[in-house]
């Protein structure tokens, strides 16, 4: 593959084309994430209902140290637990995406209002930390569920909106990562639950 030196006009044309492609595929990724999360959450709930209906096909729980482990029953309950975890991660992914959209809507309104009121553009110059821990992501998620400080018209008129806006940008970045992480964990949990259910059938 050979590189080609472009003129200034050609470079601008290519840059605009790549920017349009980037926006298009970013939008497609967001749409597919929402669709996939809803789909697998529905499947997890249906699978959980199916497992509950299959309970009568397995032995009753007996607490007796003298008896050997009922592997079939054990794998069955592990499968049920795995599906419950998958449903939980699905709900986390959905709510993360909903709050992400809500904050993004406020950010868009702020940009428009600041441009109208003060004829200035808000720069996106924050350097986000991509190596944030899972624990921190969950803390940010829970904090977002508890309270969101959106920017209002008074903040803009009093010139105190920038700090709030920066916090909102951080929240949307981390909520986006939380959505993808939760969906990945949902898929893993659902796959493991299915695997353990097959083990339960094999030992029955």
C-alpha atoms as a PDB file:
ATOM      1  CA  UNK A   1       0.000   0.000   0.000  1.00  0.00           C
ATOM      2  CA  UNK A   2       1.519   3.295  -1.132  1.00  0.00           C
ATOM      3  CA  UNK A   3       1.023   6.651   0.614  1.00  0.00           C
ATOM      4  CA  UNK A   4       0.158   9.733  -1.385  1.00  0.00           C
ATOM      5  CA  UNK A   5       0.886  13.344  -0.516  1.00  0.00           C
ATOM      6  CA  UNK A   6      -2.311  15.362  -0.907  1.00  0.00           C
ATOM      7  CA  UNK A   7      -2.882  18.995  -1.635  1.00  0.00           C
ATOM      8  CA  UNK A   8      -4.537  21.189   1.010  1.00  0.00           C
ATOM      9  CA  UNK A   9      -7.954  20.993  -0.684  1.00  0.00           C
ATOM     10  CA  UNK A  10      -7.677  17.223  -1.134  1.00  0.00           C
ATOM     11  CA  UNK A  11      -6.634  16.830   2.499  1.00  0.00           C
ATOM     12  CA  UNK A  12      -9.683  18.818   3.683  1.00  0.00           C
ATOM     13  CA  UNK A  13     -11.964  16.758   1.456  1.00  0.00           C
ATOM     14  CA  UNK A  14     -10.551  13.486   2.813  1.00  0.00           C
ATOM     15  CA  UNK A  15     -10.746  14.773   6.382  1.00  0.00           C
ATOM     16  CA  UNK A  16     -14.414  15.670   5.972  1.00  0.00           C
ATOM     17  CA  UNK A  17     -15.109  12.294   4.407  1.00  0.00           C
ATOM     18  CA  UNK A  18     -13.392  10.433   7.250  1.00  0.00           C
ATOM     19  CA  UNK A  19     -15.206  12.574   9.824  1.00  0.00           C
ATOM     20  CA  UNK A  20     -18.535  11.670   8.260  1.00  0.00           C
ATOM     21  CA  UNK A  21     -17.597   7.984   8.262  1.00  0.00           C
ATOM     22  CA  UNK A  22     -16.526   8.209  11.894  1.00  0.00           C
ATOM     23  CA  UNK A  23     -19.816   9.834  12.949  1.00  0.00           C
ATOM     24  CA  UNK A  24     -21.813   7.288  10.947  1.00  0.00           C
ATOM     25  CA  UNK A  25     -20.089   4.229  12.388  1.00  0.00           C
ATOM     26  CA  UNK A  26     -20.108   5.682  15.919  1.00  0.00           C
ATOM     27  CA  UNK A  27     -23.848   6.140  15.631  1.00  0.00           C
ATOM     28  CA  UNK A  28     -24.234   2.606  14.274  1.00  0.00           C
ATOM     29  CA  UNK A  29     -22.187   1.196  17.162  1.00  0.00           C
ATOM     30  CA  UNK A  30     -24.387   2.987  19.704  1.00  0.00           C
ATOM     31  CA  UNK A  31     -27.584   1.770  18.032  1.00  0.00           C
ATOM     32  CA  UNK A  32     -26.337  -1.818  17.836  1.00  0.00           C
ATOM     33  CA  UNK A  33     -25.195  -1.721  21.470  1.00  0.00           C
ATOM     34  CA  UNK A  34     -28.686  -0.741  22.588  1.00  0.00           C
ATOM     35  CA  UNK A  35     -30.310  -3.359  20.372  1.00  0.00           C
ATOM     36  CA  UNK A  36     -27.917  -6.104  21.495  1.00  0.00           C
ATOM     37  CA  UNK A  37     -28.301  -5.245  25.186  1.00  0.00           C
ATOM     38  CA  UNK A  38     -32.100  -5.307  25.005  1.00  0.00           C
ATOM     39  CA  UNK A  39     -32.067  -8.542  23.006  1.00  0.00           C
ATOM     40  CA  UNK A  40     -29.797 -10.468  25.365  1.00  0.00           C
ATOM     41  CA  UNK A  41     -31.557  -9.088  28.457  1.00  0.00           C
ATOM     42  CA  UNK A  42     -34.842 -10.411  27.064  1.00  0.00           C
ATOM     43  CA  UNK A  43     -33.214 -13.758  26.292  1.00  0.00           C
ATOM     44  CA  UNK A  44     -31.763 -13.911  29.813  1.00  0.00           C
ATOM     45  CA  UNK A  45     -35.173 -13.276  31.400  1.00  0.00           C
ATOM     46  CA  UNK A  46     -36.750 -15.939  29.160  1.00  0.00           C
ATOM     47  CA  UNK A  47     -33.952 -18.398  29.983  1.00  0.00           C
ATOM     48  CA  UNK A  48     -34.436 -17.728  33.707  1.00  0.00           C
ATOM     49  CA  UNK A  49     -38.161 -18.470  33.429  1.00  0.00           C
ATOM     50  CA  UNK A  50     -37.298 -21.664  31.545  1.00  0.00           C
ATOM     51  CA  UNK A  51     -34.889 -22.749  34.286  1.00  0.00           C
ATOM     52  CA  UNK A  52     -37.499 -22.163  36.972  1.00  0.00           C
ATOM     53  CA  UNK A  53     -39.934 -24.368  35.052  1.00  0.00           C
ATOM     54  CA  UNK A  54     -37.283 -27.105  34.905  1.00  0.00           C
ATOM     55  CA  UNK A  55     -36.810 -27.209  38.696  1.00  0.00           C
ATOM     56  CA  UNK A  56     -39.065 -30.257  39.118  1.00  0.00           C
ATOM     57  CA  UNK A  57     -36.750 -32.296  36.902  1.00  0.00           C
ATOM     58  CA  UNK A  58     -33.969 -32.083  39.495  1.00  0.00           C
ATOM     59  CA  UNK A  59     -33.690 -33.563  42.973  1.00  0.00           C
ATOM     60  CA  UNK A  60     -34.749 -31.766  46.112  1.00  0.00           C
ATOM     61  CA  UNK A  61     -32.202 -29.999  48.282  1.00  0.00           C
ATOM     62  CA  UNK A  62     -31.023 -32.275  51.090  1.00  0.00           C
ATOM     63  CA  UNK A  63     -28.608 -31.081  53.766  1.00  0.00           C
ATOM     64  CA  UNK A  64     -26.770 -34.248  54.695  1.00  0.00           C
ATOM     65  CA  UNK A  65     -22.976 -34.366  55.006  1.00  0.00           C
ATOM     66  CA  UNK A  66     -23.004 -38.135  54.623  1.00  0.00           C
ATOM     67  CA  UNK A  67     -24.409 -37.990  51.107  1.00  0.00           C
ATOM     68  CA  UNK A  68     -22.302 -37.256  48.028  1.00  0.00           C
ATOM     69  CA  UNK A  69     -22.633 -33.986  46.138  1.00  0.00           C
ATOM     70  CA  UNK A  70     -25.524 -33.850  43.697  1.00  0.00           C
ATOM     71  CA  UNK A  71     -23.608 -32.332  40.794  1.00  0.00           C
ATOM     72  CA  UNK A  72     -26.674 -32.059  38.620  1.00  0.00           C
ATOM     73  CA  UNK A  73     -28.506 -29.945  41.203  1.00  0.00           C
ATOM     74  CA  UNK A  74     -25.398 -27.890  41.928  1.00  0.00           C
ATOM     75  CA  UNK A  75     -24.842 -27.051  38.255  1.00  0.00           C
ATOM     76  CA  UNK A  76     -28.536 -26.204  37.910  1.00  0.00           C
ATOM     77  CA  UNK A  77     -28.369 -23.596  40.673  1.00  0.00           C
ATOM     78  CA  UNK A  78     -25.109 -22.203  39.307  1.00  0.00           C
ATOM     79  CA  UNK A  79     -26.871 -21.799  35.945  1.00  0.00           C
ATOM     80  CA  UNK A  80     -29.765 -19.960  37.628  1.00  0.00           C
ATOM     81  CA  UNK A  81     -27.322 -17.684  39.429  1.00  0.00           C
ATOM     82  CA  UNK A  82     -25.454 -16.994  36.180  1.00  0.00           C
ATOM     83  CA  UNK A  83     -28.653 -15.972  34.412  1.00  0.00           C
ATOM     84  CA  UNK A  84     -29.590 -13.661  37.292  1.00  0.00           C
ATOM     85  CA  UNK A  85     -26.178 -12.006  36.975  1.00  0.00           C
ATOM     86  CA  UNK A  86     -26.702 -11.674  33.207  1.00  0.00           C
ATOM     87  CA  UNK A  87     -30.047  -9.939  33.793  1.00  0.00           C
ATOM     88  CA  UNK A  88     -28.424  -7.618  36.343  1.00  0.00           C
ATOM     89  CA  UNK A  89     -25.621  -6.638  33.955  1.00  0.00           C
ATOM     90  CA  UNK A  90     -28.209  -6.088  31.235  1.00  0.00           C
ATOM     91  CA  UNK A  91     -30.130  -3.672  33.460  1.00  0.00           C
ATOM     92  CA  UNK A  92     -26.909  -1.850  34.331  1.00  0.00           C
ATOM     93  CA  UNK A  93     -26.050  -1.512  30.629  1.00  0.00           C
ATOM     94  CA  UNK A  94     -29.530  -0.201  29.787  1.00  0.00           C
ATOM     95  CA  UNK A  95     -29.631   2.351  32.621  1.00  0.00           C
ATOM     96  CA  UNK A  96     -26.058   3.482  31.862  1.00  0.00           C
ATOM     97  CA  UNK A  97     -27.074   4.138  28.275  1.00  0.00           C
ATOM     98  CA  UNK A  98     -30.239   5.997  29.328  1.00  0.00           C
ATOM     99  CA  UNK A  99     -28.341   8.311  31.679  1.00  0.00           C
ATOM    100  CA  UNK A 100     -25.650   8.775  29.040  1.00  0.00           C
ATOM    101  CA  UNK A 101     -28.313   9.961  26.578  1.00  0.00           C
ATOM    102  CA  UNK A 102     -29.874  12.264  29.167  1.00  0.00           C
ATOM    103  CA  UNK A 103     -26.554  13.927  29.984  1.00  0.00           C
ATOM    104  CA  UNK A 104     -25.561  14.145  26.308  1.00  0.00           C
ATOM    105  CA  UNK A 105     -28.833  15.939  25.551  1.00  0.00           C
ATOM    106  CA  UNK A 106     -28.023  18.501  28.258  1.00  0.00           C
ATOM    107  CA  UNK A 107     -24.484  18.925  26.909  1.00  0.00           C
ATOM    108  CA  UNK A 108     -25.846  19.605  23.416  1.00  0.00           C
ATOM    109  CA  UNK A 109     -28.281  22.171  24.830  1.00  0.00           C
ATOM    110  CA  UNK A 110     -25.448  23.859  26.745  1.00  0.00           C
ATOM    111  CA  UNK A 111     -23.274  24.129  23.636  1.00  0.00           C
ATOM    112  CA  UNK A 112     -26.157  25.668  21.694  1.00  0.00           C
ATOM    113  CA  UNK A 113     -27.075  28.057  24.492  1.00  0.00           C
ATOM    114  CA  UNK A 114     -23.496  29.196  25.118  1.00  0.00           C
ATOM    115  CA  UNK A 115     -23.058  29.859  21.409  1.00  0.00           C
ATOM    116  CA  UNK A 116     -26.275  31.886  21.370  1.00  0.00           C
ATOM    117  CA  UNK A 117     -25.722  33.794  24.621  1.00  0.00           C
ATOM    118  CA  UNK A 118     -21.961  34.366  24.490  1.00  0.00           C
ATOM    119  CA  UNK A 119     -20.943  33.589  20.892  1.00  0.00           C
ATOM    120  CA  UNK A 120     -18.327  31.121  22.100  1.00  0.00           C
ATOM    121  CA  UNK A 121     -17.616  27.460  21.497  1.00  0.00           C
ATOM    122  CA  UNK A 122     -16.834  24.967  24.254  1.00  0.00           C
ATOM    123  CA  UNK A 123     -13.613  23.097  23.565  1.00  0.00           C
ATOM    124  CA  UNK A 124     -13.284  19.335  24.027  1.00  0.00           C
ATOM    125  CA  UNK A 125      -9.792  19.230  25.459  1.00  0.00           C
ATOM    126  CA  UNK A 126     -10.183  16.796  28.350  1.00  0.00           C
ATOM    127  CA  UNK A 127      -7.758  13.898  28.585  1.00  0.00           C
ATOM    128  CA  UNK A 128      -9.760  10.911  29.812  1.00  0.00           C
ATOM    129  CA  UNK A 129      -8.143   8.023  31.646  1.00  0.00           C
ATOM    130  CA  UNK A 130      -8.793   4.832  29.672  1.00  0.00           C
ATOM    131  CA  UNK A 131      -7.208   2.644  32.368  1.00  0.00           C
ATOM    132  CA  UNK A 132      -9.887   3.285  34.972  1.00  0.00           C
ATOM    133  CA  UNK A 133     -10.707   0.338  37.233  1.00  0.00           C
ATOM    134  CA  UNK A 134     -13.983  -1.590  37.167  1.00  0.00           C
ATOM    135  CA  UNK A 135     -14.596  -0.592  40.802  1.00  0.00           C
ATOM    136  CA  UNK A 136     -14.328   3.105  39.905  1.00  0.00           C
ATOM    137  CA  UNK A 137     -16.692   2.631  36.968  1.00  0.00           C
ATOM    138  CA  UNK A 138     -19.312   1.082  39.238  1.00  0.00           C
ATOM    139  CA  UNK A 139     -18.866   3.904  41.769  1.00  0.00           C
ATOM    140  CA  UNK A 140     -19.416   6.514  39.048  1.00  0.00           C
ATOM    141  CA  UNK A 141     -22.455   4.582  37.824  1.00  0.00           C
ATOM    142  CA  UNK A 142     -24.025   4.454  41.303  1.00  0.00           C
ATOM    143  CA  UNK A 143     -23.230   8.123  41.883  1.00  0.00           C
ATOM    144  CA  UNK A 144     -24.932   9.005  38.585  1.00  0.00           C
ATOM    145  CA  UNK A 145     -28.032   7.055  39.582  1.00  0.00           C
ATOM    146  CA  UNK A 146     -28.119   8.963  42.860  1.00  0.00           C
ATOM    147  CA  UNK A 147     -27.690  12.477  41.462  1.00  0.00           C
ATOM    148  CA  UNK A 148     -26.911  14.302  38.219  1.00  0.00           C
ATOM    149  CA  UNK A 149     -25.931  17.970  38.261  1.00  0.00           C
ATOM    150  CA  UNK A 150     -27.093  19.230  34.880  1.00  0.00           C
ATOM    151  CA  UNK A 151     -26.197  22.684  33.594  1.00  0.00           C
ATOM    152  CA  UNK A 152     -29.097  25.161  33.628  1.00  0.00           C
ATOM    153  CA  UNK A 153     -29.638  28.613  32.144  1.00  0.00           C
ATOM    154  CA  UNK A 154     -28.605  30.380  35.365  1.00  0.00           C
ATOM    155  CA  UNK A 155     -25.244  28.624  35.309  1.00  0.00           C
ATOM    156  CA  UNK A 156     -24.626  29.948  31.804  1.00  0.00           C
ATOM    157  CA  UNK A 157     -25.676  33.507  32.625  1.00  0.00           C
ATOM    158  CA  UNK A 158     -23.476  33.541  35.734  1.00  0.00           C
ATOM    159  CA  UNK A 159     -20.489  32.012  33.887  1.00  0.00           C
ATOM    160  CA  UNK A 160     -20.287  29.068  36.274  1.00  0.00           C
ATOM    161  CA  UNK A 161     -21.168  26.351  33.773  1.00  0.00           C
ATOM    162  CA  UNK A 162     -17.683  25.233  32.698  1.00  0.00           C
ATOM    163  CA  UNK A 163     -16.885  23.090  35.743  1.00  0.00           C
ATOM    164  CA  UNK A 164     -20.283  21.424  35.633  1.00  0.00           C
ATOM    165  CA  UNK A 165     -19.940  20.840  31.904  1.00  0.00           C
ATOM    166  CA  UNK A 166     -16.546  19.210  32.388  1.00  0.00           C
ATOM    167  CA  UNK A 167     -18.003  16.859  35.003  1.00  0.00           C
ATOM    168  CA  UNK A 168     -20.830  15.954  32.631  1.00  0.00           C
ATOM    169  CA  UNK A 169     -18.331  15.136  29.871  1.00  0.00           C
ATOM    170  CA  UNK A 170     -16.474  12.865  32.277  1.00  0.00           C
ATOM    171  CA  UNK A 171     -19.724  11.172  33.282  1.00  0.00           C
ATOM    172  CA  UNK A 172     -20.795  10.444  29.717  1.00  0.00           C
ATOM    173  CA  UNK A 173     -17.352   9.046  28.883  1.00  0.00           C
ATOM    174  CA  UNK A 174     -17.388   6.673  31.843  1.00  0.00           C
ATOM    175  CA  UNK A 175     -21.056   5.751  31.398  1.00  0.00           C
ATOM    176  CA  UNK A 176     -20.249   4.779  27.819  1.00  0.00           C
ATOM    177  CA  UNK A 177     -17.455   2.518  29.037  1.00  0.00           C
ATOM    178  CA  UNK A 178     -19.817   1.139  31.682  1.00  0.00           C
ATOM    179  CA  UNK A 179     -22.404   0.246  29.038  1.00  0.00           C
ATOM    180  CA  UNK A 180     -19.906  -1.710  26.954  1.00  0.00           C
ATOM    181  CA  UNK A 181     -18.350  -3.418  29.987  1.00  0.00           C
ATOM    182  CA  UNK A 182     -21.734  -4.435  31.405  1.00  0.00           C
ATOM    183  CA  UNK A 183     -22.827  -5.853  28.064  1.00  0.00           C
ATOM    184  CA  UNK A 184     -19.629  -7.908  27.768  1.00  0.00           C
ATOM    185  CA  UNK A 185     -20.113  -9.275  31.293  1.00  0.00           C
ATOM    186  CA  UNK A 186     -23.741  -9.987  30.461  1.00  0.00           C
ATOM    187  CA  UNK A 187     -22.756 -12.107  27.463  1.00  0.00           C
ATOM    188  CA  UNK A 188     -20.114 -13.979  29.458  1.00  0.00           C
ATOM    189  CA  UNK A 189     -22.551 -14.669  32.325  1.00  0.00           C
ATOM    190  CA  UNK A 190     -25.244 -15.879  29.952  1.00  0.00           C
ATOM    191  CA  UNK A 191     -22.822 -18.158  28.113  1.00  0.00           C
ATOM    192  CA  UNK A 192     -21.524 -19.661  31.359  1.00  0.00           C
ATOM    193  CA  UNK A 193     -25.088 -20.168  32.608  1.00  0.00           C
ATOM    194  CA  UNK A 194     -25.963 -22.076  29.448  1.00  0.00           C
ATOM    195  CA  UNK A 195     -22.805 -24.173  29.812  1.00  0.00           C
ATOM    196  CA  UNK A 196     -23.577 -25.083  33.433  1.00  0.00           C
ATOM    197  CA  UNK A 197     -27.155 -25.971  32.507  1.00  0.00           C
ATOM    198  CA  UNK A 198     -25.799 -28.398  29.922  1.00  0.00           C
ATOM    199  CA  UNK A 199     -23.557 -29.856  32.626  1.00  0.00           C
ATOM    200  CA  UNK A 200     -26.613 -30.230  34.867  1.00  0.00           C
ATOM    201  CA  UNK A 201     -28.412 -32.152  32.127  1.00  0.00           C
ATOM    202  CA  UNK A 202     -25.357 -34.310  31.569  1.00  0.00           C
ATOM    203  CA  UNK A 203     -25.120 -35.306  35.245  1.00  0.00           C
ATOM    204  CA  UNK A 204     -28.853 -35.874  35.670  1.00  0.00           C
END
